[in-house]
Amino acid sequence: MSLAVNHTGPWTVADVLALPEDRTMRYELLGESLVMTPAPGIRHQRASFRLAMALHAAARSARTPVEVLEAVNVILPSGLVVPDLVVADAGATAEDGVSIDAEGVQLVVELVSPGNRTVDRKFKPMLYAEAAIPHFWRLEFDPAPMLIIHELESGRYVERTTALAGAVTHVDTPIPLDIDPADLSRQ
């Protein structure tokens, strides 16, 4: 589906949420600019699904009242983003809407693809920190899968752990989890 929109002036969250559903693109509002990115590839989707399932199982095991969601709209003070994965308070997802507020989000995860490296590594973490989301994880695929785990400290993300492919790493927060990044994208 291609998008033909007659839009004048800065974009708003309401404008973006009013766009027709399109499974081939993701629409995000960064500041007042509409950003469109193509749907992720198979390796990305495989890793996202597996990490979501691992987080879901770990949350259930720990009896943590959260919900793990893939590619959900998150409203930030400075726009609207679609993280690859979100761990949100169960209360934040009680309504069947199309978005959740950042204040109900405990963790965002970005899986870095070739077309979004700069946004996922630099720009989005700044927006997540500004929104006071306590945890940010970034999964890199190349040259080998690695999961970089950050926690919010004094308004900035501080790297706490780097989980490397081929080794199981234990993560304590926000959900206790043992993970080997190599298992996420392996066919």
C-alpha atoms as a PDB file:
ATOM      1  CA  MET A   1       0.000   0.000   0.000  1.00  0.00           C
ATOM      2  CA  SER A   2       1.330   3.426  -0.802  1.00  0.00           C
ATOM      3  CA  LEU A   3       0.394   6.429   1.255  1.00  0.00           C
ATOM      4  CA  ALA A   4      -0.888   9.543  -0.455  1.00  0.00           C
ATOM      5  CA  VAL A   5      -1.668  12.168   2.143  1.00  0.00           C
ATOM      6  CA  ASN A   6      -2.574  15.784   1.699  1.00  0.00           C
ATOM      7  CA  HIS A   7      -1.223  17.202   4.944  1.00  0.00           C
ATOM      8  CA  THR A   8      -0.342  20.783   5.758  1.00  0.00           C
ATOM      9  CA  GLY A   9       1.674  21.932   8.744  1.00  0.00           C
ATOM     10  CA  PRO A  10       3.326  19.978  11.529  1.00  0.00           C
ATOM     11  CA  TRP A  11       2.169  16.442  12.245  1.00  0.00           C
ATOM     12  CA  THR A  12       0.502  15.579  15.550  1.00  0.00           C
ATOM     13  CA  VAL A  13       0.020  12.274  17.360  1.00  0.00           C
ATOM     14  CA  ALA A  14      -3.678  12.408  16.397  1.00  0.00           C
ATOM     15  CA  ASP A  15      -2.724  12.859  12.706  1.00  0.00           C
ATOM     16  CA  VAL A  16      -0.468   9.798  12.783  1.00  0.00           C
ATOM     17  CA  LEU A  17      -2.989   7.627  14.632  1.00  0.00           C
ATOM     18  CA  ALA A  18      -5.613   8.612  12.030  1.00  0.00           C
ATOM     19  CA  LEU A  19      -3.525   7.235   9.146  1.00  0.00           C
ATOM     20  CA  PRO A  20      -4.861   4.035   7.560  1.00  0.00           C
ATOM     21  CA  GLU A  21      -3.371   0.792   8.827  1.00  0.00           C
ATOM     22  CA  ASP A  22      -0.473  -0.326   6.665  1.00  0.00           C
ATOM     23  CA  ARG A  23       1.404  -3.541   7.480  1.00  0.00           C
ATOM     24  CA  THR A  24       4.217  -2.705   5.060  1.00  0.00           C
ATOM     25  CA  MET A  25       5.299   0.470   6.882  1.00  0.00           C
ATOM     26  CA  ARG A  26       5.725   1.807  10.390  1.00  0.00           C
ATOM     27  CA  TYR A  27       4.748   5.414  11.031  1.00  0.00           C
ATOM     28  CA  GLU A  28       6.399   7.355  13.825  1.00  0.00           C
ATOM     29  CA  LEU A  29       6.237  10.978  14.880  1.00  0.00           C
ATOM     30  CA  LEU A  30       9.654  12.267  15.867  1.00  0.00           C
ATOM     31  CA  GLY A  31       9.151  15.829  16.970  1.00  0.00           C
ATOM     32  CA  GLU A  32       6.729  17.162  14.373  1.00  0.00           C
ATOM     33  CA  SER A  33       8.072  15.029  11.518  1.00  0.00           C
ATOM     34  CA  LEU A  34       6.420  11.912  10.180  1.00  0.00           C
ATOM     35  CA  VAL A  35       8.970   9.113   9.742  1.00  0.00           C
ATOM     36  CA  MET A  36       8.079   6.042   7.698  1.00  0.00           C
ATOM     37  CA  THR A  37      10.170   2.877   7.825  1.00  0.00           C
ATOM     38  CA  PRO A  38       9.599  -0.364   5.955  1.00  0.00           C
ATOM     39  CA  ALA A  39       8.360  -3.413   7.838  1.00  0.00           C
ATOM     40  CA  PRO A  40      11.271  -5.441   9.248  1.00  0.00           C
ATOM     41  CA  GLY A  41      12.793  -8.463   7.544  1.00  0.00           C
ATOM     42  CA  ILE A  42      12.586 -12.110   8.550  1.00  0.00           C
ATOM     43  CA  ARG A  43      15.717 -12.202  10.776  1.00  0.00           C
ATOM     44  CA  HIS A  44      14.422  -9.154  12.648  1.00  0.00           C
ATOM     45  CA  GLN A  45      10.927 -10.636  13.037  1.00  0.00           C
ATOM     46  CA  ARG A  46      12.320 -13.997  14.169  1.00  0.00           C
ATOM     47  CA  ALA A  47      14.475 -12.372  16.847  1.00  0.00           C
ATOM     48  CA  SER A  48      11.667 -10.043  17.952  1.00  0.00           C
ATOM     49  CA  PHE A  49       9.221 -12.931  18.349  1.00  0.00           C
ATOM     50  CA  ARG A  50      11.714 -15.078  20.269  1.00  0.00           C
ATOM     51  CA  LEU A  51      12.748 -12.276  22.592  1.00  0.00           C
ATOM     52  CA  ALA A  52       9.086 -11.390  23.188  1.00  0.00           C
ATOM     53  CA  MET A  53       8.337 -15.012  24.067  1.00  0.00           C
ATOM     54  CA  ALA A  54      11.362 -15.207  26.398  1.00  0.00           C
ATOM     55  CA  LEU A  55      10.329 -11.981  28.154  1.00  0.00           C
ATOM     56  CA  HIS A  56       6.722 -13.175  28.390  1.00  0.00           C
ATOM     57  CA  ALA A  57       7.741 -16.525  29.903  1.00  0.00           C
ATOM     58  CA  ALA A  58      10.139 -14.846  32.343  1.00  0.00           C
ATOM     59  CA  ALA A  59       7.458 -12.355  33.438  1.00  0.00           C
ATOM     60  CA  ARG A  60       4.944 -15.139  34.036  1.00  0.00           C
ATOM     61  CA  SER A  61       7.500 -17.188  35.950  1.00  0.00           C
ATOM     62  CA  ALA A  62       8.364 -14.183  38.138  1.00  0.00           C
ATOM     63  CA  ARG A  63       4.660 -13.271  38.459  1.00  0.00           C
ATOM     64  CA  THR A  64       5.469  -9.777  37.229  1.00  0.00           C
ATOM     65  CA  PRO A  65       2.285  -7.874  36.265  1.00  0.00           C
ATOM     66  CA  VAL A  66       3.415  -6.768  32.814  1.00  0.00           C
ATOM     67  CA  GLU A  67       2.519  -7.372  29.208  1.00  0.00           C
ATOM     68  CA  VAL A  68       5.023  -7.860  26.395  1.00  0.00           C
ATOM     69  CA  LEU A  69       3.962  -6.310  23.089  1.00  0.00           C
ATOM     70  CA  GLU A  70       5.546  -6.166  19.655  1.00  0.00           C
ATOM     71  CA  ALA A  71       5.458  -2.997  17.524  1.00  0.00           C
ATOM     72  CA  VAL A  72       2.898  -1.051  19.560  1.00  0.00           C
ATOM     73  CA  ASN A  73       2.441   2.722  19.352  1.00  0.00           C
ATOM     74  CA  VAL A  74       3.977   4.448  22.370  1.00  0.00           C
ATOM     75  CA  ILE A  75       3.119   8.083  23.001  1.00  0.00           C
ATOM     76  CA  LEU A  76       6.082  10.104  24.249  1.00  0.00           C
ATOM     77  CA  PRO A  77       6.198  13.748  25.337  1.00  0.00           C
ATOM     78  CA  SER A  78       7.867  14.521  21.991  1.00  0.00           C
ATOM     79  CA  GLY A  79       5.894  12.302  19.628  1.00  0.00           C
ATOM     80  CA  LEU A  80       4.891   8.755  18.876  1.00  0.00           C
ATOM     81  CA  VAL A  81       7.228   5.813  18.326  1.00  0.00           C
ATOM     82  CA  VAL A  82       6.857   2.141  17.525  1.00  0.00           C
ATOM     83  CA  PRO A  83       9.539   0.231  19.451  1.00  0.00           C
ATOM     84  CA  ASP A  84      10.180  -3.314  18.305  1.00  0.00           C
ATOM     85  CA  LEU A  85       9.256  -4.613  21.778  1.00  0.00           C
ATOM     86  CA  VAL A  86       7.647  -3.034  24.810  1.00  0.00           C
ATOM     87  CA  VAL A  87       7.243  -4.345  28.326  1.00  0.00           C
ATOM     88  CA  ALA A  88       4.396  -2.356  29.877  1.00  0.00           C
ATOM     89  CA  ASP A  89       2.600  -2.365  33.192  1.00  0.00           C
ATOM     90  CA  ALA A  90      -0.489  -4.565  32.912  1.00  0.00           C
ATOM     91  CA  GLY A  91      -2.687  -1.584  33.808  1.00  0.00           C
ATOM     92  CA  ALA A  92      -1.289   0.453  30.906  1.00  0.00           C
ATOM     93  CA  THR A  93      -2.638  -2.097  28.423  1.00  0.00           C
ATOM     94  CA  ALA A  94      -6.036  -2.703  30.043  1.00  0.00           C
ATOM     95  CA  GLU A  95      -7.914  -0.791  27.348  1.00  0.00           C
ATOM     96  CA  ASP A  96      -8.021  -2.081  23.795  1.00  0.00           C
ATOM     97  CA  GLY A  97      -6.595   1.029  22.189  1.00  0.00           C
ATOM     98  CA  VAL A  98      -4.014   1.578  19.481  1.00  0.00           C
ATOM     99  CA  SER A  99      -1.358   3.151  21.707  1.00  0.00           C
ATOM    100  CA  ILE A 100      -0.001   3.273  25.225  1.00  0.00           C
ATOM    101  CA  ASP A 101       1.524   6.153  27.162  1.00  0.00           C
ATOM    102  CA  ALA A 102       5.244   6.072  27.919  1.00  0.00           C
ATOM    103  CA  GLU A 103       4.576   6.384  31.653  1.00  0.00           C
ATOM    104  CA  GLY A 104       3.263   2.799  31.666  1.00  0.00           C
ATOM    105  CA  VAL A 105       6.332   1.398  29.862  1.00  0.00           C
ATOM    106  CA  GLN A 106       9.098  -0.328  31.828  1.00  0.00           C
ATOM    107  CA  LEU A 107      11.288  -1.487  28.927  1.00  0.00           C
ATOM    108  CA  VAL A 108      11.703  -0.707  25.239  1.00  0.00           C
ATOM    109  CA  VAL A 109      13.756  -2.893  22.924  1.00  0.00           C
ATOM    110  CA  GLU A 110      15.046  -1.868  19.519  1.00  0.00           C
ATOM    111  CA  LEU A 111      16.370  -4.435  17.061  1.00  0.00           C
ATOM    112  CA  VAL A 112      18.840  -2.652  14.819  1.00  0.00           C
ATOM    113  CA  SER A 113      18.278  -3.123  11.085  1.00  0.00           C
ATOM    114  CA  PRO A 114      20.436  -1.730   8.276  1.00  0.00           C
ATOM    115  CA  GLY A 115      17.973   1.065   7.481  1.00  0.00           C
ATOM    116  CA  ASN A 116      17.510   2.352  11.034  1.00  0.00           C
ATOM    117  CA  ARG A 117      20.916   2.133  12.732  1.00  0.00           C
ATOM    118  CA  THR A 118      21.307   5.811  13.588  1.00  0.00           C
ATOM    119  CA  VAL A 119      17.728   6.244  14.803  1.00  0.00           C
ATOM    120  CA  ASP A 120      17.860   3.103  16.996  1.00  0.00           C
ATOM    121  CA  ARG A 121      21.342   3.768  18.393  1.00  0.00           C
ATOM    122  CA  LYS A 122      21.194   7.520  18.972  1.00  0.00           C
ATOM    123  CA  PHE A 123      17.882   9.286  18.455  1.00  0.00           C
ATOM    124  CA  LYS A 124      15.318   6.924  19.960  1.00  0.00           C
ATOM    125  CA  PRO A 125      17.302   6.300  23.172  1.00  0.00           C
ATOM    126  CA  MET A 126      17.307  10.074  23.770  1.00  0.00           C
ATOM    127  CA  LEU A 127      13.523  10.190  23.329  1.00  0.00           C
ATOM    128  CA  TYR A 128      13.012   7.176  25.622  1.00  0.00           C
ATOM    129  CA  ALA A 129      15.225   8.734  28.294  1.00  0.00           C
ATOM    130  CA  GLU A 130      13.336  12.021  27.991  1.00  0.00           C
ATOM    131  CA  ALA A 131      10.125  10.038  28.581  1.00  0.00           C
ATOM    132  CA  ALA A 132      11.718   8.444  31.698  1.00  0.00           C
ATOM    133  CA  ILE A 133      11.361   4.852  30.472  1.00  0.00           C
ATOM    134  CA  PRO A 134      13.515   2.981  33.021  1.00  0.00           C
ATOM    135  CA  HIS A 135      15.055   0.325  30.735  1.00  0.00           C
ATOM    136  CA  PHE A 136      16.290   0.321  27.141  1.00  0.00           C
ATOM    137  CA  TRP A 137      17.725  -2.705  25.343  1.00  0.00           C
ATOM    138  CA  ARG A 138      19.255  -2.739  21.877  1.00  0.00           C
ATOM    139  CA  LEU A 139      19.792  -5.931  19.888  1.00  0.00           C
ATOM    140  CA  GLU A 140      22.553  -5.697  17.297  1.00  0.00           C
ATOM    141  CA  PHE A 141      22.837  -8.402  14.636  1.00  0.00           C
ATOM    142  CA  ASP A 142      26.193  -7.729  12.982  1.00  0.00           C
ATOM    143  CA  PRO A 143      28.855  -8.995  13.105  1.00  0.00           C
ATOM    144  CA  ALA A 144      27.216 -11.360  15.653  1.00  0.00           C
ATOM    145  CA  PRO A 145      24.087 -10.963  17.784  1.00  0.00           C
ATOM    146  CA  MET A 146      24.638  -8.914  20.921  1.00  0.00           C
ATOM    147  CA  LEU A 147      22.164  -7.436  23.380  1.00  0.00           C
ATOM    148  CA  ILE A 148      23.165  -4.155  25.015  1.00  0.00           C
ATOM    149  CA  ILE A 149      21.231  -3.477  28.223  1.00  0.00           C
ATOM    150  CA  HIS A 150      20.800   0.061  29.543  1.00  0.00           C
ATOM    151  CA  GLU A 151      19.158   1.536  32.634  1.00  0.00           C
ATOM    152  CA  LEU A 152      18.020   5.099  33.132  1.00  0.00           C
ATOM    153  CA  GLU A 153      20.183   7.028  35.563  1.00  0.00           C
ATOM    154  CA  SER A 154      19.935  10.800  36.097  1.00  0.00           C
ATOM    155  CA  GLY A 155      17.972  11.225  32.870  1.00  0.00           C
ATOM    156  CA  ARG A 156      20.417   9.251  30.674  1.00  0.00           C
ATOM    157  CA  TYR A 157      20.856   5.625  29.764  1.00  0.00           C
ATOM    158  CA  VAL A 158      23.862   3.897  31.260  1.00  0.00           C
ATOM    159  CA  GLU A 159      25.067   0.632  29.748  1.00  0.00           C
ATOM    160  CA  ARG A 160      24.869  -2.096  32.397  1.00  0.00           C
ATOM    161  CA  THR A 161      25.504  -5.311  30.494  1.00  0.00           C
ATOM    162  CA  THR A 162      26.388  -6.524  27.048  1.00  0.00           C
ATOM    163  CA  ALA A 163      25.173 -10.038  26.324  1.00  0.00           C
ATOM    164  CA  LEU A 164      27.337 -11.634  23.645  1.00  0.00           C
ATOM    165  CA  ALA A 165      26.399 -14.434  21.268  1.00  0.00           C
ATOM    166  CA  GLY A 166      27.378 -17.871  22.511  1.00  0.00           C
ATOM    167  CA  ALA A 167      27.169 -17.041  26.213  1.00  0.00           C
ATOM    168  CA  VAL A 168      24.152 -17.060  28.492  1.00  0.00           C
ATOM    169  CA  THR A 169      23.813 -13.759  30.342  1.00  0.00           C
ATOM    170  CA  HIS A 170      21.604 -13.237  33.372  1.00  0.00           C
ATOM    171  CA  VAL A 171      19.556 -10.029  33.506  1.00  0.00           C
ATOM    172  CA  ASP A 172      17.851  -9.028  36.763  1.00  0.00           C
ATOM    173  CA  THR A 173      15.688  -6.068  35.771  1.00  0.00           C
ATOM    174  CA  PRO A 174      13.018  -5.346  34.797  1.00  0.00           C
ATOM    175  CA  ILE A 175      12.379  -9.104  34.568  1.00  0.00           C
ATOM    176  CA  PRO A 176      14.825 -11.836  35.640  1.00  0.00           C
ATOM    177  CA  LEU A 177      15.944 -13.509  32.418  1.00  0.00           C
ATOM    178  CA  ASP A 178      18.755 -15.745  31.152  1.00  0.00           C
ATOM    179  CA  ILE A 179      19.534 -15.100  27.502  1.00  0.00           C
ATOM    180  CA  ASP A 180      21.979 -15.955  24.734  1.00  0.00           C
ATOM    181  CA  PRO A 181      21.526 -13.471  21.860  1.00  0.00           C
ATOM    182  CA  ALA A 182      22.681 -16.115  19.357  1.00  0.00           C
ATOM    183  CA  ASP A 183      19.485 -18.063  20.011  1.00  0.00           C
ATOM    184  CA  LEU A 184      17.284 -15.150  18.960  1.00  0.00           C
ATOM    185  CA  SER A 185      17.998 -14.995  15.245  1.00  0.00           C
ATOM    186  CA  ARG A 186      19.343 -18.473  14.500  1.00  0.00           C
ATOM    187  CA  GLN A 187      17.203 -20.223  11.874  1.00  0.00           C
END
